[in-house]
């Protein structure tokens, strides 16, 4: 574009200015994915994996431009064992600085976790080809089993939970995987006989990623811990204002946060005002990226809401002249156990908190919570893609994509 602008200026004899649009800026002024990955998988003849060895050469550009946790300058690439029960694994990452634009910023999707998932899935596909095994069956054979959770990976992570077999079988049953493989084989034979010029491909992949940064023991940015906080205040009218240190980028935080609060304290989401991203008022938080907002800020919101509910229970007990232990929560208020007619709604409790709190209790109904997660989160999923490809023109049609 710069060269074109110079040539245009020479040809026309007038000054020429090139102005990029937002999409061009996003895709060219920073980059990610410039990794050269080498993976070796050791396995038995029956397909059981016994070891993994990975080396990564990672181009960081001129400088890092992303909010990477300081302890992990190459992201969480050590999730590269993926969904599989590798008894032993070795990973080496060499990060290099070059004269490119700043590196480490993915236009979309978790940087470095995505590359790790691609690396192991590509390796499992090649292993299946070498052993003559179905790629889905090879994966199922090596999945971490449900009874192994919490699972300690060979590269140091504790996967808290998972049920990989169920996800894979559900995906296979939904698309009719065995029938598709039979159709694919029939098409291959017809192609060899010269009866068709179209072939069929079935892509299989399964991922486990590591998100939800993060626990202060694992994650910080230049020494600043990556936990989050929430401030929630219930007004005397029963409406709510809540403030978080995250910022929605189109994910719909406003809806999610209001739903969490509504679930915990029974005030309708329509009466909850969510305020985030205002640096004049926002509480402590390390921002929105890498799928961290709900597991970190969302948890802080839930815990702050529960602090409010605990205080509300004491106020309701005073109003109903019973012990707080005689009360039970029901959707939007507290009721006396065995006597649901004797109840107080959260709106009634909110009013009482400001005009007639129990003797000795501080008035008001609000809470602040700082949440330092005990662990990362480890989401997983199965993906299948079915394609028909014309070998002469290269035209490919996606028949089915299922996740």
Protein backbone atom coordinates (compact mmCIF):
# COMPACT_ATOMS: atom_id res chain seq x y z
CA UNK A 1 0.00 0.00 0.00
CA UNK A 2 2.89 2.38 0.76
CA UNK A 3 4.51 1.59 -2.60
CA UNK A 4 1.18 2.10 -4.41
CA UNK A 5 0.77 5.49 -2.72
CA UNK A 6 4.28 6.56 -3.79
CA UNK A 7 3.75 5.39 -7.38
CA UNK A 8 0.35 7.12 -7.53
CA UNK A 9 1.92 10.36 -6.29
CA UNK A 10 4.65 10.15 -8.97
CA UNK A 11 2.15 9.39 -11.75
CA UNK A 12 -0.43 12.04 -10.79
CA UNK A 13 2.02 14.67 -9.57
CA UNK A 14 -0.08 15.41 -6.47
CA UNK A 15 0.31 14.29 -2.82
CA UNK A 16 -1.32 10.91 -2.14
CA UNK A 17 -2.30 9.70 1.31
CA UNK A 18 -3.17 6.09 2.11
CA UNK A 19 -5.59 5.63 5.01
CA UNK A 20 -6.24 2.16 6.43
CA UNK A 21 -9.65 1.07 7.63
CA UNK A 22 -10.30 -0.62 10.96
CA UNK A 23 -10.11 -4.15 9.52
CA UNK A 24 -6.78 -3.43 7.82
CA UNK A 25 -5.44 -1.98 11.07
CA UNK A 26 -6.49 -5.05 13.08
CA UNK A 27 -4.97 -7.49 10.61
CA UNK A 28 -1.64 -5.77 9.90
CA UNK A 29 -0.42 -3.60 12.79
CA UNK A 30 0.04 -6.60 15.07
CA UNK A 31 0.10 -10.32 14.55
CA UNK A 32 -0.03 -13.73 16.16
CA UNK A 33 0.30 -17.36 15.04
CA UNK A 34 3.85 -17.02 13.69
CA UNK A 35 4.98 -20.28 15.27
CA UNK A 36 7.14 -23.05 13.88
CA UNK A 37 6.08 -26.13 15.85
CA UNK A 38 7.73 -29.56 15.82
CA UNK A 39 5.99 -32.40 17.65
CA UNK A 40 6.92 -36.04 18.20
CA UNK A 41 4.47 -38.57 19.64
CA UNK A 42 5.57 -41.94 21.02
CA UNK A 43 2.89 -44.65 20.87
CA UNK A 44 2.34 -48.39 21.00
CA UNK A 45 1.14 -50.35 17.98
CA UNK A 46 -2.39 -50.42 19.42
CA UNK A 47 -2.46 -46.59 19.42
CA UNK A 48 -1.84 -45.95 23.13
CA UNK A 49 0.27 -42.79 23.44
CA UNK A 50 3.28 -43.00 25.77
CA UNK A 51 5.08 -39.68 25.33
CA UNK A 52 5.10 -36.27 23.69
CA UNK A 53 8.00 -33.99 22.75
CA UNK A 54 7.37 -30.50 21.36
CA UNK A 55 9.62 -27.63 20.30
CA UNK A 56 8.25 -24.21 19.37
CA UNK A 57 10.05 -21.32 17.68
CA UNK A 58 7.86 -18.31 18.46
CA UNK A 59 8.20 -14.99 16.65
CA UNK A 60 7.33 -12.16 19.05
CA UNK A 61 7.86 -9.32 16.59
CA UNK A 62 9.59 -6.15 17.75
CA UNK A 63 8.02 -6.33 21.22
CA UNK A 64 5.13 -7.98 23.02
CA UNK A 65 1.91 -6.03 22.63
CA UNK A 66 -0.43 -8.34 24.49
CA UNK A 67 -1.47 -8.73 28.11
CA UNK A 68 0.41 -11.98 28.59
CA UNK A 69 0.91 -13.21 32.13
CA UNK A 70 4.54 -12.36 32.96
CA UNK A 71 5.46 -15.91 33.96
CA UNK A 72 4.34 -17.27 30.58
CA UNK A 73 5.91 -15.18 27.80
CA UNK A 74 4.73 -17.80 25.28
CA UNK A 75 1.23 -17.98 26.69
CA UNK A 76 -0.13 -21.21 28.07
CA UNK A 77 1.41 -23.37 25.37
CA UNK A 78 2.01 -26.08 27.98
CA UNK A 79 -1.61 -27.15 27.47
CA UNK A 80 -0.21 -28.92 24.38
CA UNK A 81 -0.90 -32.40 25.82
CA UNK A 82 -4.51 -31.48 25.08
CA UNK A 83 -7.22 -33.97 25.94
CA UNK A 84 -4.93 -36.99 26.01
CA UNK A 85 -3.41 -39.01 28.83
CA UNK A 86 0.30 -38.61 28.07
CA UNK A 87 2.28 -40.23 30.93
CA UNK A 88 5.27 -38.04 30.08
CA UNK A 89 5.86 -34.94 27.97
CA UNK A 90 8.57 -32.39 27.24
CA UNK A 91 8.04 -28.89 25.87
CA UNK A 92 10.62 -26.29 24.87
CA UNK A 93 9.67 -22.85 23.59
CA UNK A 94 12.17 -20.38 22.10
CA UNK A 95 10.76 -16.87 21.84
CA UNK A 96 12.59 -14.56 19.45
CA UNK A 97 12.32 -10.83 18.79
CA UNK A 98 12.40 -9.74 15.14
CA UNK A 99 11.90 -6.56 13.11
CA UNK A 100 8.20 -7.29 12.51
CA UNK A 101 5.22 -5.45 13.96
CA UNK A 102 4.52 -6.16 17.65
CA UNK A 103 3.65 -9.82 18.14
CA UNK A 104 1.36 -11.88 20.29
CA UNK A 105 -1.94 -10.19 19.45
CA UNK A 106 -4.45 -12.58 17.93
CA UNK A 107 -7.20 -10.94 15.85
CA UNK A 108 -9.51 -13.53 17.36
CA UNK A 109 -9.22 -16.47 19.75
CA UNK A 110 -6.84 -17.20 22.62
CA UNK A 111 -3.27 -16.64 21.47
CA UNK A 112 -0.91 -19.59 21.96
CA UNK A 113 -3.59 -21.87 23.43
CA UNK A 114 -5.06 -22.18 19.94
CA UNK A 115 -1.68 -23.02 18.43
CA UNK A 116 -1.13 -25.69 21.09
CA UNK A 117 -4.49 -27.29 20.26
CA UNK A 118 -3.64 -27.23 16.54
CA UNK A 119 -0.23 -28.78 17.23
CA UNK A 120 -1.48 -31.80 19.18
CA UNK A 121 -4.50 -32.39 16.94
CA UNK A 122 -2.34 -32.36 13.80
CA UNK A 123 0.00 -34.83 15.52
CA UNK A 124 -2.84 -37.17 16.48
CA UNK A 125 -4.14 -37.14 12.89
CA UNK A 126 -0.70 -38.09 11.54
CA UNK A 127 -0.36 -40.83 14.18
CA UNK A 128 -3.76 -42.24 13.13
CA UNK A 129 -2.62 -42.30 9.48
CA UNK A 130 0.65 -44.07 10.33
CA UNK A 131 -1.13 -46.70 12.43
CA UNK A 132 -4.04 -47.13 9.99
CA UNK A 133 -6.52 -46.22 12.73
CA UNK A 134 -9.67 -44.14 12.54
CA UNK A 135 -8.74 -40.65 13.86
CA UNK A 136 -11.83 -40.46 16.09
CA UNK A 137 -11.18 -43.90 17.58
CA UNK A 138 -7.52 -43.04 18.25
CA UNK A 139 -8.59 -39.95 20.17
CA UNK A 140 -11.21 -41.83 22.19
CA UNK A 141 -8.63 -44.48 23.10
CA UNK A 142 -6.30 -41.84 24.58
CA UNK A 143 -8.73 -39.41 26.20
CA UNK A 144 -8.31 -38.66 29.89
CA UNK A 145 -11.04 -40.78 31.50
CA UNK A 146 -13.81 -39.19 33.62
CA UNK A 147 -12.66 -41.06 36.73
CA UNK A 148 -9.14 -39.58 36.38
CA UNK A 149 -10.32 -36.03 37.18
CA UNK A 150 -8.94 -33.93 38.76
CA UNK A 151 -6.18 -34.89 36.33
CA UNK A 152 -2.54 -33.88 36.66
CA UNK A 153 -1.09 -33.29 33.20
CA UNK A 154 2.51 -34.23 32.39
CA UNK A 155 3.27 -30.52 31.83
CA UNK A 156 2.04 -29.41 35.24
CA UNK A 157 -1.63 -28.42 35.05
CA UNK A 158 -4.47 -29.85 37.10
CA UNK A 159 -7.54 -30.27 34.89
CA UNK A 160 -10.40 -29.80 37.33
CA UNK A 161 -13.12 -31.68 35.43
CA UNK A 162 -14.17 -33.06 32.08
CA UNK A 163 -16.07 -35.75 30.20
CA UNK A 164 -14.38 -35.98 26.83
CA UNK A 165 -15.86 -39.36 25.82
CA UNK A 166 -19.46 -38.14 26.14
CA UNK A 167 -18.78 -35.01 24.07
CA UNK A 168 -17.05 -37.02 21.32
CA UNK A 169 -19.70 -39.77 21.17
CA UNK A 170 -22.51 -37.20 21.10
CA UNK A 171 -20.88 -35.40 18.17
CA UNK A 172 -20.24 -38.66 16.30
CA UNK A 173 -23.80 -39.88 16.81
CA UNK A 174 -25.29 -36.54 15.77
CA UNK A 175 -23.49 -36.38 12.41
CA UNK A 176 -23.73 -40.15 11.76
CA UNK A 177 -19.96 -40.56 11.75
CA UNK A 178 -19.80 -44.28 10.91
CA UNK A 179 -22.21 -43.83 7.99
CA UNK A 180 -20.17 -40.89 6.70
CA UNK A 181 -16.96 -42.97 6.79
CA UNK A 182 -18.73 -45.70 4.80
CA UNK A 183 -19.89 -43.11 2.25
CA UNK A 184 -16.37 -41.71 2.05
CA UNK A 185 -14.94 -45.17 1.35
CA UNK A 186 -17.53 -45.76 -1.38
CA UNK A 187 -16.66 -42.42 -2.98
CA UNK A 188 -12.94 -43.24 -2.90
CA UNK A 189 -13.61 -46.52 -4.71
CA UNK A 190 -15.81 -44.78 -7.29
CA UNK A 191 -13.05 -42.20 -7.83
CA UNK A 192 -10.50 -44.96 -8.43
CA UNK A 193 -12.84 -46.51 -10.99
CA UNK A 194 -13.11 -43.14 -12.76
CA UNK A 195 -16.84 -42.79 -12.03
CA UNK A 196 -16.55 -39.44 -10.20
CA UNK A 197 -14.15 -36.53 -9.92
CA UNK A 198 -15.40 -35.57 -6.46
CA UNK A 199 -13.83 -36.72 -3.20
CA UNK A 200 -15.04 -36.38 0.35
CA UNK A 201 -13.15 -35.27 3.45
CA UNK A 202 -14.03 -35.65 7.12
CA UNK A 203 -12.11 -33.46 9.56
CA UNK A 204 -11.96 -34.51 13.20
CA UNK A 205 -10.60 -32.50 16.10
CA UNK A 206 -11.02 -32.33 19.85
CA UNK A 207 -9.69 -29.58 22.10
CA UNK A 208 -9.00 -28.89 25.72
CA UNK A 209 -7.85 -25.34 26.35
CA UNK A 210 -6.73 -23.40 29.40
CA UNK A 211 -8.47 -20.10 30.10
CA UNK A 212 -9.70 -18.02 33.02
CA UNK A 213 -6.48 -16.19 33.94
CA UNK A 214 -6.04 -16.06 36.67
CA UNK A 215 -4.80 -17.41 39.87
CA UNK A 216 -2.20 -15.09 41.40
CA UNK A 217 0.08 -18.10 41.92
CA UNK A 218 0.23 -18.58 38.14
CA UNK A 219 -0.59 -15.23 36.58
CA UNK A 220 0.49 -11.64 36.83
CA UNK A 221 1.21 -8.77 34.46
CA UNK A 222 4.46 -7.05 35.46
CA UNK A 223 3.84 -8.14 39.03
CA UNK A 224 0.17 -7.09 39.14
CA UNK A 225 -1.95 -10.13 40.09
CA UNK A 226 -4.67 -11.12 37.64
CA UNK A 227 -7.64 -11.59 39.95
CA UNK A 228 -10.78 -9.47 39.61
CA UNK A 229 -13.33 -7.74 41.81
CA UNK A 230 -16.96 -6.64 41.86
CA UNK A 231 -18.92 -3.96 43.72
CA UNK A 232 -22.68 -4.38 44.11
CA UNK A 233 -25.05 -1.94 45.83
CA UNK A 234 -28.76 -2.54 46.43
CA UNK A 235 -30.68 0.76 46.65
CA UNK A 236 -33.56 1.29 49.14
CA UNK A 237 -35.99 0.83 46.21
CA UNK A 238 -34.64 -2.65 45.50
CA UNK A 239 -32.84 -1.67 42.30
CA UNK A 240 -29.15 -2.53 41.95
CA UNK A 241 -26.00 -0.91 40.58
CA UNK A 242 -23.04 -3.21 39.97
CA UNK A 243 -19.51 -2.29 38.90
CA UNK A 244 -16.82 -4.59 37.49
CA UNK A 245 -13.25 -4.28 36.28
CA UNK A 246 -13.99 -6.07 33.00
CA UNK A 247 -15.25 -4.55 29.75
CA UNK A 248 -17.69 -6.07 27.29
CA UNK A 249 -16.43 -6.18 23.70
CA UNK A 250 -19.71 -7.52 22.37
CA UNK A 251 -19.98 -10.69 24.49
CA UNK A 252 -23.03 -9.34 26.30
CA UNK A 253 -21.52 -8.96 29.76
CA UNK A 254 -24.38 -6.64 30.69
CA UNK A 255 -26.81 -9.55 30.34
CA UNK A 256 -24.56 -12.20 31.91
CA UNK A 257 -23.64 -10.15 34.97
CA UNK A 258 -27.25 -9.10 35.57
CA UNK A 259 -28.37 -12.74 35.29
CA UNK A 260 -25.77 -13.88 37.84
CA UNK A 261 -26.91 -11.20 40.32
CA UNK A 262 -30.60 -11.93 39.62
CA UNK A 263 -30.04 -15.63 40.28
CA UNK A 264 -28.17 -15.00 43.53
CA UNK A 265 -30.33 -12.27 45.12
CA UNK A 266 -33.66 -12.53 43.30
CA UNK A 267 -33.86 -8.96 41.96
CA UNK A 268 -35.01 -8.93 38.31
CA UNK A 269 -32.26 -8.32 35.73
CA UNK A 270 -34.25 -5.36 34.39
CA UNK A 271 -33.72 -3.59 37.73
CA UNK A 272 -29.93 -4.14 37.70
CA UNK A 273 -27.65 -1.51 36.21
CA UNK A 274 -24.28 -2.86 35.11
CA UNK A 275 -21.42 -0.37 34.84
CA UNK A 276 -18.06 -1.51 33.53
CA UNK A 277 -15.14 0.00 31.71
CA UNK A 278 -15.41 3.43 33.36
CA UNK A 279 -11.94 3.96 34.78
CA UNK A 280 -13.25 6.70 37.10
CA UNK A 281 -15.45 4.23 38.96
CA UNK A 282 -14.39 0.70 37.96
CA UNK A 283 -13.06 -1.53 40.75
CA UNK A 284 -9.82 -3.51 40.47
CA UNK A 285 -9.73 -5.83 37.47
CA UNK A 286 -7.33 -7.03 34.80
CA UNK A 287 -9.65 -6.66 31.84
CA UNK A 288 -11.39 -8.76 29.23
CA UNK A 289 -9.43 -11.19 27.03
CA UNK A 290 -8.49 -14.85 26.87
CA UNK A 291 -11.92 -16.08 28.04
CA UNK A 292 -11.33 -14.84 31.58
CA UNK A 293 -14.27 -12.56 32.34
CA UNK A 294 -16.93 -15.06 33.44
CA UNK A 295 -14.71 -17.49 35.38
CA UNK A 296 -12.93 -14.65 37.22
CA UNK A 297 -15.10 -11.50 37.30
CA UNK A 298 -18.28 -13.59 37.10
CA UNK A 299 -17.22 -15.51 40.20
CA UNK A 300 -16.44 -12.24 42.03
CA UNK A 301 -19.95 -11.05 41.15
CA UNK A 302 -21.53 -14.25 42.48
CA UNK A 303 -19.56 -14.05 45.75
CA UNK A 304 -20.44 -10.37 46.28
CA UNK A 305 -24.09 -11.24 45.65
CA UNK A 306 -23.92 -14.00 48.28
CA UNK A 307 -22.51 -11.56 50.84
CA UNK A 308 -25.56 -9.38 50.20
CA UNK A 309 -27.90 -12.37 50.51
CA UNK A 310 -26.29 -13.41 53.81
CA UNK A 311 -26.89 -9.94 55.28
CA UNK A 312 -30.40 -9.90 53.81
CA UNK A 313 -31.14 -13.17 55.62
CA UNK A 314 -30.28 -11.59 58.97
CA UNK A 315 -32.49 -8.58 58.20
CA UNK A 316 -35.37 -10.85 57.13
CA UNK A 317 -35.02 -12.88 60.34
CA UNK A 318 -35.34 -9.66 62.36
CA UNK A 319 -38.41 -8.59 60.36
CA UNK A 320 -40.11 -11.98 60.77
CA UNK A 321 -39.00 -12.36 64.41
CA UNK A 322 -37.39 -15.78 63.85
CA UNK A 323 -33.86 -17.17 63.88
CA UNK A 324 -31.99 -16.74 60.62
CA UNK A 325 -31.54 -20.53 60.65
CA UNK A 326 -35.34 -20.90 60.42
CA UNK A 327 -35.35 -19.21 57.02
CA UNK A 328 -34.90 -20.66 53.55
CA UNK A 329 -34.23 -18.88 50.26
CA UNK A 330 -36.90 -19.02 47.57
CA UNK A 331 -36.29 -17.29 44.21
CA UNK A 332 -36.61 -13.65 45.31
CA UNK A 333 -36.74 -13.67 49.09
CA UNK A 334 -36.68 -15.58 52.37
CA UNK A 335 -39.49 -17.60 53.88
CA UNK A 336 -39.94 -19.42 57.16
CA UNK A 337 -39.32 -23.15 56.79
CA UNK A 338 -42.66 -24.95 56.78
CA UNK A 339 -44.59 -21.67 56.57
CA UNK A 340 -44.12 -20.14 53.11
CA UNK A 341 -46.76 -17.46 53.82
CA UNK A 342 -44.35 -15.88 56.30
CA UNK A 343 -41.84 -14.38 53.88
CA UNK A 344 -40.02 -11.20 52.93
CA UNK A 345 -38.97 -10.32 49.38
CA UNK A 346 -35.60 -8.80 48.58
CA UNK A 347 -37.32 -5.51 47.75
CA UNK A 348 -38.87 -5.41 51.22
CA UNK A 349 -35.55 -6.38 52.80
CA UNK A 350 -33.72 -3.65 50.83
CA UNK A 351 -36.10 -0.99 52.16
CA UNK A 352 -35.69 -2.28 55.72
CA UNK A 353 -31.88 -2.26 55.36
CA UNK A 354 -31.99 1.52 54.96
CA UNK A 355 -34.84 2.57 57.25
CA UNK A 356 -35.06 -0.08 60.00
CA UNK A 357 -32.01 -2.39 60.17
CA UNK A 358 -31.67 -4.76 63.15
CA UNK A 359 -30.21 -3.10 66.28
CA UNK A 360 -26.43 -2.97 66.14
CA UNK A 361 -26.28 -3.80 62.41
CA UNK A 362 -24.68 -1.38 59.97
CA UNK A 363 -27.38 0.02 57.63
CA UNK A 364 -27.30 -0.47 53.88
CA UNK A 365 -27.08 -3.46 51.58
CA UNK A 366 -23.93 -3.64 49.50
CA UNK A 367 -20.81 -5.76 49.09
CA UNK A 368 -17.37 -5.89 47.51
CA UNK A 369 -15.66 -9.14 46.57
CA UNK A 370 -12.14 -9.85 45.32
CA UNK A 371 -11.87 -13.25 43.68
CA UNK A 372 -8.50 -14.95 43.28
CA UNK A 373 -9.30 -18.22 41.47
CA UNK A 374 -7.81 -21.43 42.88
CA UNK A 375 -7.19 -22.72 39.36
CA UNK A 376 -7.59 -22.00 35.67
CA UNK A 377 -10.57 -23.47 33.80
CA UNK A 378 -10.27 -26.24 31.19
CA UNK A 379 -13.12 -26.17 28.64
CA UNK A 380 -13.24 -28.85 25.94
CA UNK A 381 -15.17 -29.80 22.81
CA UNK A 382 -15.42 -31.93 19.68
CA UNK A 383 -15.47 -30.54 16.14
CA UNK A 384 -16.36 -32.33 12.90
CA UNK A 385 -16.24 -30.96 9.37
CA UNK A 386 -17.58 -32.81 6.31
CA UNK A 387 -16.50 -31.50 2.89
CA UNK A 388 -16.97 -32.40 -0.78
CA UNK A 389 -14.07 -31.41 -3.06
CA UNK A 390 -13.84 -31.30 -6.85
CA UNK A 391 -10.32 -32.52 -7.63
CA UNK A 392 -10.18 -30.75 -11.01
CA UNK A 393 -11.24 -27.26 -9.93
CA UNK A 394 -10.36 -27.42 -6.24
CA UNK A 395 -13.82 -26.12 -5.38
CA UNK A 396 -14.67 -27.26 -1.86
CA UNK A 397 -18.16 -27.30 -0.37
CA UNK A 398 -18.71 -27.59 3.38
CA UNK A 399 -21.55 -30.04 3.77
CA UNK A 400 -21.63 -30.15 7.56
CA UNK A 401 -19.80 -28.43 10.40
CA UNK A 402 -20.68 -29.61 13.88
CA UNK A 403 -19.29 -28.57 17.26
